[in-house]
Amino acid sequence: MSTCRCPACIGRHTKWDTTPPGWTDGTRSPLPELPEYLQQQPFSHRICQAESNVVGDGTFLWVETTAAGHAFVTIHQHGKITVYTYGRYGDVQPGNPMVGEGVLLRMSDNSASQAYLSEQLYRLQAKVFKILDADPVAIDGYLSGIYTGSTQASRNPRGDMTRQYGRVIDQYDLTGSNCTTHSVKAIRFGGSRIFERTIIGFTYSDDFTIPGSLLRYMEQVSGDVADLRAMEVTPQMKAWISNTRGWRPGEESPEDVVMGSSASGSGYAGSSTGYAGGTIDGSLGGMYEPENR
């Protein structure tokens, strides 16, 4: 591990003093090299190599709680980012926006993904957590398989990103098939045990369905220096992804203006409610019946 003493590194050294889960050979795997485009930048315009490596590879969970909130996953491999974000990005039941098309967007290391992540960081004030015991290759394969397994476009796509990158993969149900449940399911598929808790010798798995409760839990886990399942990397991610649009916290986006702020949070960002229905994919199952067009 680097001996860098920059402010971003100082608070993270403790997390790496013990071998993370999965590194069982007694040695530390070499960290990946600094991405080439960062190497070409003057030192004053890039983050230190240790911090680049922290965000350059791995599985990352993003959570924001503006309005109704949102959660999604990014996979970083050799400095390249793939965004997987699920939500109510398409057609919804008339008069009942709690159900509708469940749309998954996949954006791979392009201007769209950078713009999306920049907005999440700077406008919506998302927090980012690196999941240390998850296999990013397995999660990428899982989510990519779901995405490529569908060729169905949204009947009523919300925004250019949905039109270009979105595919309908299932039925969205606010009570249990939403952005939070899909993100948690993907991380579990990668072998992570971060959502497991043990009380009096009994191990159980938390069933998160709302971004707010998920965020509180992730802050607790990442803040425990003895828990090596996750670490918060929001400052490092902001050093890596710039605010090119000049977003201000809470600023209205074009989608907000078109749909109204309240509708944007609950209808566009793919949020969820407090009902713990994640294990049964929600309680509103058959309520969405798309109109024939």
Protein backbone atom coordinates (compact mmCIF):
# COMPACT_ATOMS: atom_id res chain seq x y z
CA MET A 1 0.00 0.00 0.00
CA SER A 2 1.22 3.45 -0.78
CA THR A 3 2.67 5.54 2.04
CA CYS A 4 1.03 8.63 0.59
CA ARG A 5 -0.12 11.03 3.30
CA CYS A 6 -2.55 13.09 1.27
CA PRO A 7 -5.80 13.85 3.15
CA ALA A 8 -7.79 11.37 1.07
CA CYS A 9 -5.37 8.53 1.84
CA ILE A 10 -4.83 9.14 5.54
CA GLY A 11 -8.38 8.20 6.47
CA ARG A 12 -8.25 4.98 4.47
CA HIS A 13 -5.01 3.33 5.55
CA THR A 14 -6.61 1.57 8.49
CA LYS A 15 -9.04 -0.22 6.19
CA TRP A 16 -6.14 -1.85 4.38
CA ASP A 17 -4.01 -2.81 7.39
CA THR A 18 -5.69 -6.23 7.39
CA THR A 19 -5.99 -8.51 4.38
CA PRO A 20 -9.43 -7.92 2.79
CA PRO A 21 -11.83 -10.90 2.42
CA GLY A 22 -10.98 -13.05 -0.59
CA TRP A 23 -7.24 -12.32 -0.44
CA THR A 24 -6.48 -15.55 1.38
CA ASP A 25 -2.97 -16.28 0.17
CA GLY A 26 -1.43 -14.16 2.91
CA THR A 27 -0.10 -11.59 0.45
CA ARG A 28 -1.62 -8.50 -1.06
CA SER A 29 -2.42 -8.61 -4.72
CA PRO A 30 -0.66 -5.84 -6.65
CA LEU A 31 -2.85 -2.84 -7.23
CA PRO A 32 -3.59 -1.96 -10.86
CA GLU A 33 -1.52 0.66 -12.61
CA LEU A 34 -2.73 4.23 -12.78
CA PRO A 35 -4.99 4.64 -15.85
CA GLU A 36 -3.02 5.96 -18.82
CA TYR A 37 -5.06 9.15 -19.21
CA LEU A 38 -4.32 10.03 -15.58
CA GLN A 39 -0.62 9.39 -16.04
CA GLN A 40 -0.61 12.00 -18.79
CA GLN A 41 -2.01 14.68 -16.49
CA PRO A 42 0.22 16.94 -14.33
CA PHE A 43 0.34 15.73 -10.72
CA SER A 44 -1.53 18.82 -9.53
CA HIS A 45 -4.47 17.81 -11.76
CA ARG A 46 -4.79 14.18 -10.73
CA ILE A 47 -5.20 12.19 -7.56
CA CYS A 48 -2.39 10.15 -6.02
CA GLN A 49 -1.77 6.67 -7.38
CA ALA A 50 -3.05 4.94 -4.24
CA GLU A 51 -6.39 6.69 -4.50
CA SER A 52 -6.66 6.06 -8.26
CA ASN A 53 -6.31 2.37 -7.59
CA VAL A 54 -9.04 2.49 -4.95
CA VAL A 55 -11.63 3.71 -7.46
CA GLY A 56 -10.09 2.31 -10.64
CA ASP A 57 -11.17 -1.29 -10.05
CA GLY A 58 -13.94 -3.03 -8.15
CA THR A 59 -17.65 -3.01 -7.38
CA PHE A 60 -19.24 0.26 -6.24
CA LEU A 61 -22.63 0.95 -4.72
CA TRP A 62 -24.01 4.48 -5.17
CA VAL A 63 -26.81 5.78 -2.95
CA GLU A 64 -28.51 9.17 -2.89
CA THR A 65 -31.52 10.26 -0.86
CA THR A 66 -32.61 13.47 -2.59
CA ALA A 67 -36.42 13.38 -2.85
CA ALA A 68 -37.26 9.65 -2.99
CA GLY A 69 -33.65 8.67 -3.60
CA HIS A 70 -31.87 6.16 -5.82
CA ALA A 71 -29.34 3.32 -5.65
CA PHE A 72 -27.29 1.74 -8.43
CA VAL A 73 -24.09 -0.17 -9.15
CA THR A 74 -20.97 0.57 -11.17
CA ILE A 75 -18.28 -1.91 -12.16
CA HIS A 76 -14.77 -0.55 -12.63
CA GLN A 77 -12.17 -2.63 -14.46
CA HIS A 78 -8.74 -1.20 -15.28
CA GLY A 79 -10.05 2.34 -14.95
CA LYS A 80 -13.08 1.81 -17.20
CA ILE A 81 -16.56 2.28 -15.73
CA THR A 82 -19.77 0.41 -16.56
CA VAL A 83 -22.95 1.89 -15.06
CA TYR A 84 -25.95 -0.31 -14.30
CA THR A 85 -28.95 1.67 -13.11
CA TYR A 86 -32.48 0.28 -12.82
CA GLY A 87 -35.70 2.18 -12.27
CA ARG A 88 -39.01 3.55 -13.43
CA TYR A 89 -37.47 5.05 -16.53
CA GLY A 90 -40.31 4.08 -18.87
CA ASP A 91 -44.04 3.51 -19.06
CA VAL A 92 -46.04 3.49 -15.82
CA GLN A 93 -49.58 2.49 -14.96
CA PRO A 94 -51.96 5.43 -15.61
CA GLY A 95 -53.05 6.83 -12.26
CA ASN A 96 -50.67 4.51 -10.36
CA PRO A 97 -46.99 5.34 -10.93
CA MET A 98 -45.97 2.79 -8.29
CA VAL A 99 -45.83 0.10 -10.97
CA GLY A 100 -44.71 0.05 -14.57
CA GLU A 101 -41.88 -0.97 -16.85
CA GLY A 102 -38.72 -2.01 -15.03
CA VAL A 103 -35.95 -0.53 -17.17
CA LEU A 104 -32.23 -1.28 -16.84
CA LEU A 105 -29.73 1.16 -18.32
CA ARG A 106 -26.18 0.07 -19.10
CA MET A 107 -23.62 2.71 -20.03
CA SER A 108 -20.01 1.69 -20.61
CA ASP A 109 -17.26 4.24 -20.04
CA ASN A 110 -18.61 6.90 -22.37
CA SER A 111 -19.79 10.49 -22.22
CA ALA A 112 -23.25 9.38 -21.10
CA SER A 113 -21.93 7.44 -18.12
CA GLN A 114 -19.62 10.27 -17.09
CA ALA A 115 -22.46 12.79 -17.31
CA TYR A 116 -24.75 10.52 -15.29
CA LEU A 117 -22.20 9.94 -12.54
CA SER A 118 -21.29 13.62 -12.39
CA GLU A 119 -24.92 14.53 -11.82
CA GLN A 120 -25.27 11.87 -9.14
CA LEU A 121 -22.20 13.13 -7.28
CA TYR A 122 -22.69 16.86 -7.50
CA ARG A 123 -26.40 17.56 -7.96
CA LEU A 124 -27.89 14.67 -6.00
CA GLN A 125 -24.99 14.36 -3.52
CA ALA A 126 -24.71 10.58 -3.88
CA LYS A 127 -22.38 8.68 -1.59
CA VAL A 128 -20.22 5.94 -3.06
CA PHE A 129 -19.13 2.73 -1.34
CA LYS A 130 -16.61 0.21 -2.60
CA ILE A 131 -17.76 -3.34 -1.84
CA LEU A 132 -14.55 -5.14 -0.92
CA ASP A 133 -15.83 -8.71 -0.76
CA ALA A 134 -17.74 -8.73 -4.06
CA ASP A 135 -16.52 -10.17 -7.36
CA PRO A 136 -16.89 -7.41 -9.98
CA VAL A 137 -16.50 -9.84 -12.89
CA ALA A 138 -19.36 -11.99 -11.62
CA ILE A 139 -21.61 -9.00 -11.03
CA ASP A 140 -20.79 -7.52 -14.43
CA GLY A 141 -21.63 -10.84 -16.06
CA TYR A 142 -24.87 -11.14 -14.11
CA LEU A 143 -26.14 -7.66 -14.94
CA SER A 144 -24.88 -7.76 -18.51
CA GLY A 145 -26.68 -11.08 -19.01
CA ILE A 146 -29.95 -9.61 -17.77
CA TYR A 147 -29.49 -6.57 -20.00
CA THR A 148 -28.59 -8.43 -23.19
CA GLY A 149 -31.30 -11.00 -22.48
CA SER A 150 -33.89 -8.36 -23.32
CA THR A 151 -34.43 -6.55 -26.59
CA GLN A 152 -37.57 -4.76 -25.43
CA ALA A 153 -37.39 -0.99 -25.56
CA SER A 154 -39.55 1.17 -23.33
CA ARG A 155 -42.96 2.11 -24.66
CA ASN A 156 -42.61 5.57 -23.18
CA PRO A 157 -38.92 6.26 -22.48
CA ARG A 158 -38.10 9.08 -20.07
CA GLY A 159 -35.18 11.01 -21.53
CA ASP A 160 -32.54 10.39 -24.16
CA MET A 161 -30.47 8.09 -21.93
CA THR A 162 -33.40 5.71 -21.51
CA ARG A 163 -34.13 5.81 -25.21
CA GLN A 164 -30.53 5.00 -26.12
CA TYR A 165 -29.37 2.72 -23.30
CA GLY A 166 -32.49 1.35 -21.60
CA ARG A 167 -34.11 -2.07 -21.94
CA VAL A 168 -37.21 -3.36 -20.18
CA ILE A 169 -36.15 -6.37 -18.07
CA ASP A 170 -39.16 -6.87 -15.76
CA GLN A 171 -42.05 -5.12 -14.05
CA TYR A 172 -41.19 -2.30 -11.68
CA ASP A 173 -42.94 -2.50 -8.32
CA LEU A 174 -42.25 0.31 -5.86
CA THR A 175 -42.76 -2.02 -2.90
CA GLY A 176 -40.13 -4.57 -3.77
CA SER A 177 -38.76 -4.60 -7.32
CA ASN A 178 -36.96 -1.29 -7.49
CA CYS A 179 -33.55 0.33 -7.70
CA THR A 180 -32.56 -0.71 -4.18
CA THR A 181 -33.63 -4.34 -4.39
CA HIS A 182 -31.95 -4.79 -7.78
CA SER A 183 -28.68 -3.27 -6.54
CA VAL A 184 -28.64 -5.43 -3.42
CA LYS A 185 -29.42 -8.55 -5.43
CA ALA A 186 -26.55 -7.87 -7.85
CA ILE A 187 -24.04 -7.37 -5.03
CA ARG A 188 -25.19 -10.57 -3.34
CA PHE A 189 -24.72 -12.41 -6.65
CA GLY A 190 -21.08 -11.33 -6.57
CA GLY A 191 -20.56 -13.30 -3.36
CA SER A 192 -20.64 -10.36 -0.96
CA ARG A 193 -21.85 -10.97 2.57
CA ILE A 194 -22.11 -7.29 3.36
CA PHE A 195 -25.86 -7.46 3.98
CA GLU A 196 -25.56 -10.28 6.50
CA ARG A 197 -25.75 -9.59 10.22
CA THR A 198 -25.17 -11.86 13.21
CA ILE A 199 -27.10 -11.43 16.45
CA ILE A 200 -26.65 -13.89 19.33
CA GLY A 201 -25.12 -16.44 17.00
CA PHE A 202 -27.90 -16.17 14.41
CA THR A 203 -27.01 -14.87 10.97
CA TYR A 204 -29.66 -13.22 8.83
CA SER A 205 -29.69 -11.10 5.69
CA ASP A 206 -31.16 -7.61 5.60
CA ASP A 207 -33.90 -6.96 3.07
CA PHE A 208 -33.41 -3.37 1.94
CA THR A 209 -36.08 -1.69 -0.15
CA ILE A 210 -35.42 2.03 0.35
CA PRO A 211 -32.32 4.10 -0.42
CA GLY A 212 -32.49 5.86 2.95
CA SER A 213 -32.17 2.71 5.06
CA LEU A 214 -29.56 1.29 2.70
CA LEU A 215 -27.49 4.47 3.02
CA ARG A 216 -27.61 4.41 6.81
CA TYR A 217 -26.49 0.79 6.86
CA MET A 218 -23.63 1.40 4.40
CA GLU A 219 -22.40 4.37 6.42
CA GLN A 220 -22.36 2.18 9.52
CA VAL A 221 -20.46 -0.67 7.86
CA SER A 222 -17.94 1.52 6.04
CA GLY A 223 -17.34 3.59 9.17
CA ASP A 224 -16.27 0.54 11.17
CA VAL A 225 -12.50 0.19 10.66
CA ALA A 226 -12.70 -3.45 11.78
CA ASP A 227 -15.26 -4.31 9.10
CA LEU A 228 -13.50 -5.00 5.82
CA ARG A 229 -16.55 -5.48 3.63
CA ALA A 230 -16.90 -1.87 2.44
CA MET A 231 -15.30 1.55 2.46
CA GLU A 232 -16.73 4.91 1.49
CA VAL A 233 -14.91 6.43 -1.48
CA THR A 234 -17.01 9.51 -2.26
CA PRO A 235 -14.09 11.99 -2.00
CA GLN A 236 -11.90 9.78 -4.18
CA MET A 237 -14.68 9.41 -6.76
CA LYS A 238 -15.15 13.18 -6.88
CA ALA A 239 -11.42 13.55 -7.49
CA TRP A 240 -11.78 11.14 -10.40
CA ILE A 241 -15.06 12.42 -11.90
CA SER A 242 -15.25 16.17 -12.33
CA ASN A 243 -18.31 18.41 -12.19
CA THR A 244 -18.21 19.21 -15.90
CA ARG A 245 -21.80 20.46 -15.94
CA GLY A 246 -21.26 22.73 -12.95
CA TRP A 247 -24.08 21.14 -10.96
CA ARG A 248 -25.11 22.70 -7.66
CA PRO A 249 -26.58 20.54 -4.87
CA GLY A 250 -30.33 20.26 -5.30
CA GLU A 251 -30.39 22.07 -8.65
CA GLU A 252 -33.28 21.12 -10.93
CA SER A 253 -32.36 18.97 -13.90
CA PRO A 254 -34.06 19.25 -17.31
CA GLU A 255 -36.14 16.19 -16.35
CA ASP A 256 -37.23 17.93 -13.14
CA VAL A 257 -38.40 20.93 -15.11
CA VAL A 258 -40.39 18.81 -17.56
CA MET A 259 -42.00 16.43 -15.06
CA GLY A 260 -42.03 18.51 -11.89
CA SER A 261 -39.65 18.03 -8.99
CA SER A 262 -41.88 15.67 -7.01
CA ALA A 263 -42.53 13.46 -10.01
CA SER A 264 -38.85 13.40 -10.88
CA GLY A 265 -37.76 11.89 -7.60
CA SER A 266 -40.37 9.17 -7.46
CA GLY A 267 -41.03 8.54 -11.12
CA TYR A 268 -37.75 9.06 -12.89
CA ALA A 269 -34.99 8.08 -10.49
CA GLY A 270 -36.30 4.62 -9.67
CA SER A 271 -36.93 4.91 -5.97
CA SER A 272 -38.62 2.75 -3.37
CA THR A 273 -40.78 2.76 -0.26
CA GLY A 274 -40.48 1.46 3.27
CA TYR A 275 -42.29 -1.81 2.63
CA ALA A 276 -39.91 -4.74 3.02
CA GLY A 277 -41.08 -6.67 0.00
CA GLY A 278 -37.76 -7.26 -1.72
CA THR A 279 -37.77 -11.01 -1.19
CA ILE A 280 -41.08 -11.38 -3.02
CA ASP A 281 -40.50 -8.74 -5.70
CA GLY A 282 -43.11 -6.45 -4.20
CA SER A 283 -46.79 -6.62 -3.36
CA LEU A 284 -48.31 -4.81 -6.34
CA GLY A 285 -47.46 -7.55 -8.84
CA GLY A 286 -50.26 -7.68 -11.36
CA MET A 287 -51.34 -4.06 -11.25
CA TYR A 288 -49.39 -2.90 -14.31
CA GLU A 289 -51.19 -3.64 -17.56
CA PRO A 290 -49.67 -1.76 -20.50
CA GLU A 291 -52.13 -0.29 -22.93
CA ASN A 292 -52.22 -1.60 -26.48
CA ARG A 293 -50.71 0.96 -28.78
